[in-house]
Amino acid sequence: MKNEKHALNGIKVVEWSLAITGPWVGKCLGDHGAEVIKIESTVNQDVTRLSVPYAGGIAHPDRSATFLRFNTSKRSITLNLKTDEGKAILEELIAWADVFFNNQRPGAMKRLGLSYERIRKINPSIIAMDISNYGQTGPYSEAGGWGNMTMAMGGHTFLTRDRDMVPTAPGWLATADVIGPMNALVAVLAALDYRRRTGNGMYLDVSQLEALVHFLGVGLLDYSANGRVQQPIGNHDPEYAPHGAYPCRGDDQWCAIAVTSENEWQNLCRCMGDPLWAKEARFGNMASRKIHEDELDRRIGEWTRSFEKRELMEWLQSKGIPAGAVQNIADVLEEDPQVKAHDLYPRIEHPVMGECYHGGWPFLLSKTPTRMSTCPCLGADNDYVLNDILGVGDERFVELMTEGILE
């Protein structure tokens, strides 16, 4: 593995983060070759180590599928940062690193005595990054929270619901926990490029809220230009019809269909056998179909119920009609031929959980492929980090363990 060429070979990263947003950044860097050291604690464990689902239903910090998903290709060291010795070891790692980032609650770094000014004195060329819900300045900067809260504040929860329903999150993973890490990753890569050209480090302040607001899309423009507040529309589209998810054969089986032109509508009508109802004036053009959309959806749903969802998807696609089977997780992992062809979820051996799925990458680098390895067990790399990287020696390593520094 060490002899292979990867995009971020030679980059050294120290990560003090938990949950999803911070760890996902570390995963991105580690999977592409960076050496990532994750600072952990046996006392205050990363919340995802304590999160379901557990492999085999056995609750244990090294059996969490959630932790595995967002912490591949890292090394784990446990440090008691409430001790002076623990803080001193963290500072040594900062001196060693190219990148140091955290997603602790704003103010935690300063309380630890590690403001950016202090970090820069330890390592003048380091790239230091704070990731938080609302950024390090402003009236909400000191507020903690989770991605779902930020998603509500950023306008997404209001929009991700069907009409006439209470605001709803889009699922288990908040959009903030996806969009935030991608913005943070771009910031780190840009900072590394800047440092390569100038030799200078920098400080990065990444806000989940700011990242989310940018993804409100045309709603922002519509309000700016017309003063209209975008409303939830569920699966519908502001312009196109039919545009939704339609029931298929079986229990809770669906196929999404999106018709965006009159030619696609005529193709869909032919697939449906040119029913008489489709020739009615109320369905004669896009604008009229939008007005009568509920009835249109009901009619199409009566037709789609006789098809298996993937069969319907492939048939409609072959006729030039945008369609996609609504897949659950088992469908994606076990049935989807595209996911299998790209090995998007490779199975890798974990020392405790055994062979299990790991999240791959939606892009392929031909000359610098990823080198993803499984996530680390809690504190599994204490010896490597302290002896191989920092060179504390066996005698001092034993003292650190007995003195409660490595917990």
Protein backbone atom coordinates (compact mmCIF):
# COMPACT_ATOMS: atom_id res chain seq x y z
CA MET A 1 0.00 0.00 0.00
CA LYS A 2 2.79 2.44 0.87
CA ASN A 3 4.36 2.03 -2.58
CA GLU A 4 1.15 2.83 -4.44
CA LYS A 5 0.64 6.32 -5.78
CA HIS A 6 -2.43 8.13 -4.47
CA ALA A 7 -3.63 11.67 -4.99
CA LEU A 8 -2.84 12.85 -1.43
CA ASN A 9 0.22 10.74 -0.64
CA GLY A 10 2.48 12.49 1.87
CA ILE A 11 -0.23 14.74 3.33
CA LYS A 12 -0.44 14.42 7.12
CA VAL A 13 -3.74 15.14 8.85
CA VAL A 14 -4.83 15.33 12.48
CA GLU A 15 -8.58 15.19 13.04
CA TRP A 16 -10.37 15.94 16.29
CA SER A 17 -13.95 15.50 15.24
CA LEU A 18 -17.06 13.47 15.88
CA ALA A 19 -20.43 12.51 14.39
CA ILE A 20 -20.48 12.88 10.59
CA THR A 21 -19.47 16.27 9.19
CA GLY A 22 -15.88 16.30 10.45
CA PRO A 23 -15.18 12.58 10.15
CA TRP A 24 -16.42 12.54 6.55
CA VAL A 25 -13.72 15.10 5.64
CA GLY A 26 -11.08 12.88 7.23
CA LYS A 27 -12.41 9.87 5.34
CA CYS A 28 -12.17 11.77 2.06
CA LEU A 29 -8.57 12.70 2.70
CA GLY A 30 -7.57 9.28 4.02
CA ASP A 31 -9.21 7.31 1.22
CA HIS A 32 -7.12 9.28 -1.25
CA GLY A 33 -3.80 8.65 0.42
CA ALA A 34 -3.37 11.13 3.25
CA GLU A 35 -2.24 9.80 6.63
CA VAL A 36 -5.09 10.71 8.97
CA ILE A 37 -4.75 10.51 12.76
CA LYS A 38 -8.10 10.64 14.56
CA ILE A 39 -7.99 11.96 18.12
CA GLU A 40 -10.46 10.01 20.27
CA SER A 41 -11.27 9.26 23.88
CA THR A 42 -12.37 6.14 25.68
CA VAL A 43 -14.32 8.34 28.10
CA ASN A 44 -16.04 10.73 25.69
CA GLN A 45 -16.37 8.58 22.62
CA ASP A 46 -17.36 9.74 19.16
CA VAL A 47 -21.15 9.62 19.20
CA THR A 48 -21.19 7.42 16.11
CA ARG A 49 -19.24 4.70 17.96
CA LEU A 50 -22.25 4.58 20.26
CA SER A 51 -24.82 4.67 17.46
CA VAL A 52 -26.95 1.92 15.97
CA PRO A 53 -26.87 -0.17 13.91
CA TYR A 54 -24.31 -2.46 15.51
CA ALA A 55 -22.94 -5.46 13.62
CA GLY A 56 -24.76 -8.55 14.83
CA GLY A 57 -26.88 -6.39 17.13
CA ILE A 58 -24.05 -6.32 19.69
CA ALA A 59 -23.51 -2.85 21.19
CA HIS A 60 -19.79 -2.08 21.16
CA PRO A 61 -17.70 0.95 20.06
CA ASP A 62 -15.92 -1.19 17.46
CA ARG A 63 -19.15 -2.60 15.99
CA SER A 64 -20.96 0.54 14.86
CA ALA A 65 -21.81 0.58 11.16
CA THR A 66 -22.30 4.35 11.38
CA PHE A 67 -18.76 4.88 12.63
CA LEU A 68 -17.40 2.55 9.96
CA ARG A 69 -19.19 4.45 7.19
CA PHE A 70 -17.48 7.77 7.93
CA ASN A 71 -14.09 6.79 9.34
CA THR A 72 -12.30 4.61 6.81
CA SER A 73 -8.57 4.92 6.12
CA LYS A 74 -7.64 6.50 9.47
CA ARG A 75 -5.62 5.70 12.54
CA SER A 76 -7.07 6.12 16.04
CA ILE A 77 -5.27 7.42 19.11
CA THR A 78 -7.01 7.92 22.45
CA LEU A 79 -5.92 11.01 24.39
CA ASN A 80 -7.14 12.51 27.66
CA LEU A 81 -7.12 16.17 26.64
CA LYS A 82 -8.07 17.21 30.16
CA THR A 83 -4.46 16.50 31.17
CA ASP A 84 -1.45 18.67 30.38
CA GLU A 85 0.37 15.65 28.95
CA GLY A 86 -2.55 14.85 26.66
CA LYS A 87 -2.58 18.43 25.37
CA ALA A 88 1.19 18.32 24.88
CA ILE A 89 0.89 15.20 22.72
CA LEU A 90 -1.81 16.88 20.63
CA GLU A 91 0.49 19.86 20.13
CA GLU A 92 3.27 17.53 18.98
CA LEU A 93 0.90 16.04 16.44
CA ILE A 94 -0.08 19.53 15.25
CA ALA A 95 3.61 20.29 14.76
CA TRP A 96 3.87 17.12 12.64
CA ALA A 97 0.73 17.70 10.57
CA ASP A 98 -0.04 19.53 7.34
CA VAL A 99 -3.73 19.83 8.22
CA PHE A 100 -5.47 20.01 11.58
CA PHE A 101 -9.24 20.28 11.80
CA ASN A 102 -12.02 19.88 14.32
CA ASN A 103 -15.80 20.11 14.51
CA GLN A 104 -16.06 20.64 18.24
CA ARG A 105 -18.48 23.23 19.56
CA PRO A 106 -17.14 26.76 18.90
CA GLY A 107 -14.96 27.88 21.77
CA ALA A 108 -13.72 24.39 22.63
CA MET A 109 -10.35 24.92 20.96
CA LYS A 110 -9.72 28.20 22.78
CA ARG A 111 -10.72 26.65 26.10
CA LEU A 112 -8.18 23.93 25.37
CA GLY A 113 -5.57 26.64 24.85
CA LEU A 114 -5.39 25.98 21.12
CA SER A 115 -6.60 29.13 19.41
CA TYR A 116 -5.48 29.55 15.81
CA GLU A 117 -2.78 31.97 17.02
CA ARG A 118 -1.38 29.23 19.27
CA ILE A 119 -1.66 26.59 16.53
CA ARG A 120 0.17 28.85 14.08
CA LYS A 121 2.99 29.32 16.58
CA ILE A 122 3.33 25.55 16.89
CA ASN A 123 3.29 25.05 13.10
CA PRO A 124 3.43 28.25 10.98
CA SER A 125 2.62 26.44 7.71
CA ILE A 126 -0.31 24.39 8.99
CA ILE A 127 -3.80 24.52 7.52
CA ALA A 128 -6.21 24.74 10.45
CA MET A 129 -9.95 24.36 10.01
CA ASP A 130 -12.98 24.76 12.26
CA ILE A 131 -16.22 23.12 11.07
CA SER A 132 -19.41 24.14 12.87
CA ASN A 133 -23.13 24.61 12.43
CA TYR A 134 -23.08 28.39 12.09
CA GLY A 135 -19.44 29.47 11.80
CA GLN A 136 -17.10 31.01 14.36
CA THR A 137 -18.61 34.52 14.30
CA GLY A 138 -22.11 35.99 14.36
CA PRO A 139 -25.03 35.84 16.83
CA TYR A 140 -25.47 32.04 16.63
CA SER A 141 -21.80 31.12 16.45
CA GLU A 142 -21.59 29.63 19.95
CA ALA A 143 -24.68 27.45 19.52
CA GLY A 144 -24.09 23.73 19.25
CA GLY A 145 -26.38 21.30 17.51
CA TRP A 146 -26.77 18.68 14.83
CA GLY A 147 -27.28 18.63 11.09
CA ASN A 148 -31.06 18.41 11.30
CA MET A 149 -31.18 21.70 13.20
CA THR A 150 -28.99 23.41 10.64
CA MET A 151 -31.13 21.98 7.86
CA ALA A 152 -34.19 23.58 9.46
CA MET A 153 -32.40 26.91 9.87
CA GLY A 154 -31.14 26.75 6.27
CA GLY A 155 -34.60 26.44 4.74
CA HIS A 156 -34.37 22.81 3.66
CA THR A 157 -36.73 21.21 6.19
CA PHE A 158 -39.52 23.55 5.10
CA LEU A 159 -39.14 22.43 1.49
CA THR A 160 -38.50 18.70 1.87
CA ARG A 161 -42.09 17.71 2.55
CA ASP A 162 -45.25 16.94 0.72
CA ARG A 163 -47.86 19.64 0.47
CA ASP A 164 -49.95 20.21 3.61
CA MET A 165 -47.57 18.19 5.81
CA VAL A 166 -45.51 19.38 8.75
CA PRO A 167 -41.84 20.16 7.94
CA THR A 168 -39.97 16.90 7.45
CA ALA A 169 -36.35 15.80 7.33
CA PRO A 170 -35.40 13.87 4.17
CA GLY A 171 -34.25 10.76 6.01
CA TRP A 172 -31.65 9.48 8.45
CA LEU A 173 -28.80 11.62 7.11
CA ALA A 174 -29.25 15.39 7.22
CA THR A 175 -28.33 17.24 4.03
CA ALA A 176 -26.09 19.46 6.15
CA ASP A 177 -23.96 16.42 6.94
CA VAL A 178 -23.43 15.84 3.22
CA ILE A 179 -23.04 19.36 1.87
CA GLY A 180 -20.90 20.59 4.76
CA PRO A 181 -18.08 18.03 4.34
CA MET A 182 -17.91 18.58 0.58
CA ASN A 183 -17.41 22.32 1.09
CA ALA A 184 -14.85 21.67 3.81
CA LEU A 185 -12.97 19.25 1.58
CA VAL A 186 -12.78 21.76 -1.28
CA ALA A 187 -11.51 24.38 1.17
CA VAL A 188 -8.74 22.05 2.41
CA LEU A 189 -7.67 21.11 -1.13
CA ALA A 190 -7.59 24.77 -2.16
CA ALA A 191 -5.53 25.62 0.93
CA LEU A 192 -3.09 22.78 0.20
CA ASP A 193 -2.65 24.09 -3.35
CA TYR A 194 -2.08 27.62 -2.01
CA ARG A 195 0.50 26.33 0.46
CA ARG A 196 2.25 24.37 -2.29
CA ARG A 197 2.63 27.57 -4.29
CA THR A 198 3.45 29.98 -1.45
CA GLY A 199 4.60 27.92 1.52
CA ASN A 200 1.98 29.62 3.69
CA GLY A 201 -0.66 27.97 5.82
CA MET A 202 -4.09 29.43 6.56
CA TYR A 203 -7.18 29.26 8.72
CA LEU A 204 -10.50 27.92 7.38
CA ASP A 205 -13.91 28.58 8.93
CA VAL A 206 -16.58 26.26 7.49
CA SER A 207 -20.25 26.82 8.31
CA GLN A 208 -22.88 24.19 7.56
CA LEU A 209 -25.60 26.85 7.48
CA GLU A 210 -23.82 28.90 4.82
CA ALA A 211 -23.25 25.82 2.71
CA LEU A 212 -26.93 24.86 2.94
CA VAL A 213 -28.30 28.28 2.03
CA HIS A 214 -26.45 28.11 -1.29
CA PHE A 215 -28.39 24.94 -2.10
CA LEU A 216 -31.78 26.65 -1.93
CA GLY A 217 -31.28 27.17 -5.65
CA VAL A 218 -33.93 28.90 -7.76
CA GLY A 219 -36.00 29.69 -4.68
CA LEU A 220 -33.45 32.33 -3.72
CA LEU A 221 -33.59 33.87 -7.18
CA ASP A 222 -37.39 33.80 -7.28
CA TYR A 223 -37.61 35.61 -3.96
CA SER A 224 -34.96 38.12 -5.00
CA ALA A 225 -36.61 38.88 -8.34
CA ASN A 226 -40.30 38.42 -7.55
CA GLY A 227 -40.72 38.47 -3.79
CA ARG A 228 -42.23 34.96 -3.82
CA VAL A 229 -41.45 32.48 -1.05
CA GLN A 230 -40.94 29.02 -2.54
CA GLN A 231 -43.44 26.51 -1.18
CA PRO A 232 -43.10 22.74 -0.69
CA ILE A 233 -44.27 20.78 -3.73
CA GLY A 234 -43.33 17.22 -2.81
CA ASN A 235 -42.47 15.20 -5.92
CA HIS A 236 -44.03 17.75 -8.24
CA ASP A 237 -42.09 20.24 -10.35
CA PRO A 238 -42.90 23.96 -10.76
CA GLU A 239 -43.24 23.49 -14.53
CA TYR A 240 -43.42 19.86 -15.66
CA ALA A 241 -46.21 17.26 -15.48
CA PRO A 242 -46.37 14.35 -15.04
CA HIS A 243 -43.54 14.51 -12.53
CA GLY A 244 -43.70 12.17 -9.54
CA ALA A 245 -43.37 8.69 -8.06
CA TYR A 246 -45.97 6.17 -9.19
CA PRO A 247 -46.99 2.88 -7.53
CA CYS A 248 -45.81 -0.39 -9.05
CA ARG A 249 -46.55 -4.07 -8.49
CA GLY A 250 -45.85 -5.26 -4.96
CA ASP A 251 -45.83 -3.68 -1.52
CA ASP A 252 -44.40 -0.15 -1.36
CA GLN A 253 -42.85 -0.32 -4.83
CA TRP A 254 -42.55 2.84 -6.91
CA CYS A 255 -41.12 4.25 -10.12
CA ALA A 256 -40.30 7.94 -10.63
CA ILE A 257 -41.34 9.43 -13.98
CA ALA A 258 -40.48 12.93 -15.19
CA VAL A 259 -41.95 14.22 -18.46
CA THR A 260 -40.32 17.48 -19.56
CA SER A 261 -41.51 17.89 -23.15
CA GLU A 262 -44.52 17.23 -25.38
CA ASN A 263 -42.50 14.61 -27.26
CA GLU A 264 -41.89 12.69 -24.01
CA TRP A 265 -45.59 12.97 -23.17
CA GLN A 266 -46.59 11.49 -26.51
CA ASN A 267 -44.07 8.67 -25.99
CA LEU A 268 -45.57 7.98 -22.56
CA CYS A 269 -49.07 7.94 -24.02
CA ARG A 270 -47.99 5.35 -26.58
CA CYS A 271 -46.47 3.22 -23.82
CA MET A 272 -49.79 3.42 -21.97
CA GLY A 273 -51.60 2.26 -25.12
CA ASP A 274 -52.90 5.72 -26.08
CA PRO A 275 -55.80 5.69 -23.60
CA LEU A 276 -58.77 7.88 -24.39
CA TRP A 277 -58.41 9.90 -21.18
CA ALA A 278 -54.94 11.08 -22.31
CA LYS A 279 -56.55 12.71 -25.36
CA GLU A 280 -58.80 14.92 -23.25
CA ALA A 281 -58.21 18.65 -23.58
CA ARG A 282 -57.26 19.00 -19.93
CA PHE A 283 -54.19 16.83 -20.62
CA GLY A 284 -53.44 18.33 -24.03
CA ASN A 285 -50.44 20.47 -23.07
CA MET A 286 -48.02 20.96 -20.20
CA ALA A 287 -49.79 23.98 -18.70
CA SER A 288 -53.15 22.20 -18.65
CA ARG A 289 -51.63 19.03 -17.24
CA LYS A 290 -50.18 21.08 -14.38
CA ILE A 291 -53.63 22.42 -13.53
CA HIS A 292 -55.09 18.90 -13.46
CA GLU A 293 -52.00 17.23 -12.02
CA ASP A 294 -53.70 15.30 -9.20
CA GLU A 295 -56.08 13.58 -11.64
CA LEU A 296 -53.20 13.01 -14.07
CA ASP A 297 -51.15 11.29 -11.36
CA ARG A 298 -54.11 9.11 -10.37
CA ARG A 299 -54.61 7.93 -13.95
CA ILE A 300 -50.93 7.18 -14.52
CA GLY A 301 -50.74 5.38 -11.17
CA GLU A 302 -53.56 3.07 -12.20
CA TRP A 303 -51.50 2.07 -15.24
CA THR A 304 -48.12 1.69 -13.47
CA ARG A 305 -49.49 -0.67 -10.79
CA SER A 306 -49.30 -3.64 -13.14
CA PHE A 307 -45.51 -3.32 -13.68
CA GLU A 308 -42.46 -4.30 -11.67
CA LYS A 309 -40.62 -1.06 -10.95
CA ARG A 310 -37.28 -1.89 -12.62
CA GLU A 311 -39.04 -3.40 -15.62
CA LEU A 312 -41.08 -0.21 -16.02
CA MET A 313 -38.01 2.00 -15.60
CA GLU A 314 -36.02 0.20 -18.28
CA TRP A 315 -38.94 0.13 -20.71
CA LEU A 316 -39.69 3.84 -20.34
CA GLN A 317 -36.03 4.75 -20.62
CA SER A 318 -35.80 2.75 -23.85
CA LYS A 319 -38.63 4.94 -25.20
CA GLY A 320 -36.87 8.19 -24.29
CA ILE A 321 -38.85 8.88 -21.11
CA PRO A 322 -36.88 9.80 -17.95
CA ALA A 323 -37.70 7.19 -15.30
CA GLY A 324 -36.07 5.65 -12.27
CA ALA A 325 -37.00 2.83 -9.91
CA VAL A 326 -37.42 4.05 -6.32
CA GLN A 327 -34.91 1.81 -4.56
CA ASN A 328 -34.47 0.96 -0.91
CA ILE A 329 -31.05 0.20 0.56
CA ALA A 330 -31.25 -3.52 -0.23
CA ASP A 331 -32.11 -2.70 -3.85
CA VAL A 332 -29.13 -0.37 -4.13
CA LEU A 333 -26.60 -2.77 -2.61
CA GLU A 334 -27.83 -6.09 -3.93
CA GLU A 335 -29.72 -5.43 -7.16
CA ASP A 336 -28.54 -2.25 -8.86
CA PRO A 337 -26.28 -3.26 -11.77
CA GLN A 338 -24.69 0.19 -12.04
CA VAL A 339 -23.65 0.24 -8.39
CA LYS A 340 -22.22 -3.27 -8.77
CA ALA A 341 -20.37 -2.41 -11.99
CA HIS A 342 -18.57 0.48 -10.27
CA ASP A 343 -18.01 -1.42 -7.00
CA LEU A 344 -19.47 1.59 -5.23
CA TYR A 345 -19.85 -0.32 -1.95
CA PRO A 346 -16.89 -2.69 -1.69
CA ARG A 347 -16.84 -5.36 1.00
CA ILE A 348 -13.73 -5.02 3.21
CA GLU A 349 -12.68 -7.01 6.26
CA HIS A 350 -12.97 -5.29 9.65
CA PRO A 351 -11.09 -6.84 12.60
CA VAL A 352 -14.23 -7.01 14.79
CA MET A 353 -17.20 -6.84 12.43
CA GLY A 354 -15.80 -9.10 9.73
CA GLU A 355 -16.46 -8.45 6.05
CA CYS A 356 -18.93 -5.62 5.52
CA TYR A 357 -19.90 -2.88 3.08
CA HIS A 358 -17.84 0.30 2.94
CA GLY A 359 -18.87 3.48 1.13
CA GLY A 360 -16.86 3.93 -2.05
CA TRP A 361 -16.44 6.93 -4.31
CA PRO A 362 -18.67 8.34 -7.08
CA PHE A 363 -15.64 9.33 -9.13
CA LEU A 364 -12.70 7.29 -10.40
CA LEU A 365 -9.14 8.62 -10.64
CA SER A 366 -7.32 6.67 -13.34
CA LYS A 367 -3.75 7.40 -12.21
CA THR A 368 -4.25 7.94 -8.47
CA PRO A 369 -6.90 5.46 -7.29
CA THR A 370 -8.28 5.41 -3.77
CA ARG A 371 -6.70 3.20 -1.16
CA MET A 372 -9.63 2.79 1.23
CA SER A 373 -9.07 0.61 4.29
CA THR A 374 -11.54 -0.16 7.05
CA CYS A 375 -12.12 2.14 10.03
CA PRO A 376 -9.83 1.87 13.07
CA CYS A 377 -10.78 0.24 16.33
CA LEU A 378 -10.79 2.63 19.28
CA GLY A 379 -7.21 3.48 20.23
CA ALA A 380 -5.80 0.77 17.96
CA ASP A 381 -2.94 2.99 16.78
CA ASN A 382 -1.73 4.44 20.07
CA ASP A 383 1.58 2.60 19.80
CA TYR A 384 2.12 3.55 16.14
CA VAL A 385 1.34 7.25 16.64
CA LEU A 386 3.34 7.69 19.81
CA ASN A 387 6.34 5.56 18.90
CA ASP A 388 6.59 5.63 15.10
CA ILE A 389 5.47 9.23 14.58
CA LEU A 390 6.40 11.02 17.81
CA GLY A 391 9.15 8.66 19.01
CA VAL A 392 8.26 8.70 22.72
CA GLY A 393 9.91 5.32 23.35
CA ASP A 394 8.58 2.19 24.99
CA GLU A 395 9.27 3.29 28.56
CA ARG A 396 7.40 6.59 28.21
CA PHE A 397 4.60 4.84 26.29
CA VAL A 398 3.98 2.54 29.25
CA GLU A 399 3.98 5.54 31.60
CA LEU A 400 1.39 7.29 29.44
CA MET A 401 -0.86 4.27 29.65
CA THR A 402 -0.51 3.86 33.41
CA GLU A 403 -0.97 7.59 34.05
CA GLY A 404 -4.33 7.65 32.26
CA ILE A 405 -3.15 9.88 29.40
CA LEU A 406 -4.26 7.40 26.72
CA GLU A 407 -7.94 7.28 27.59
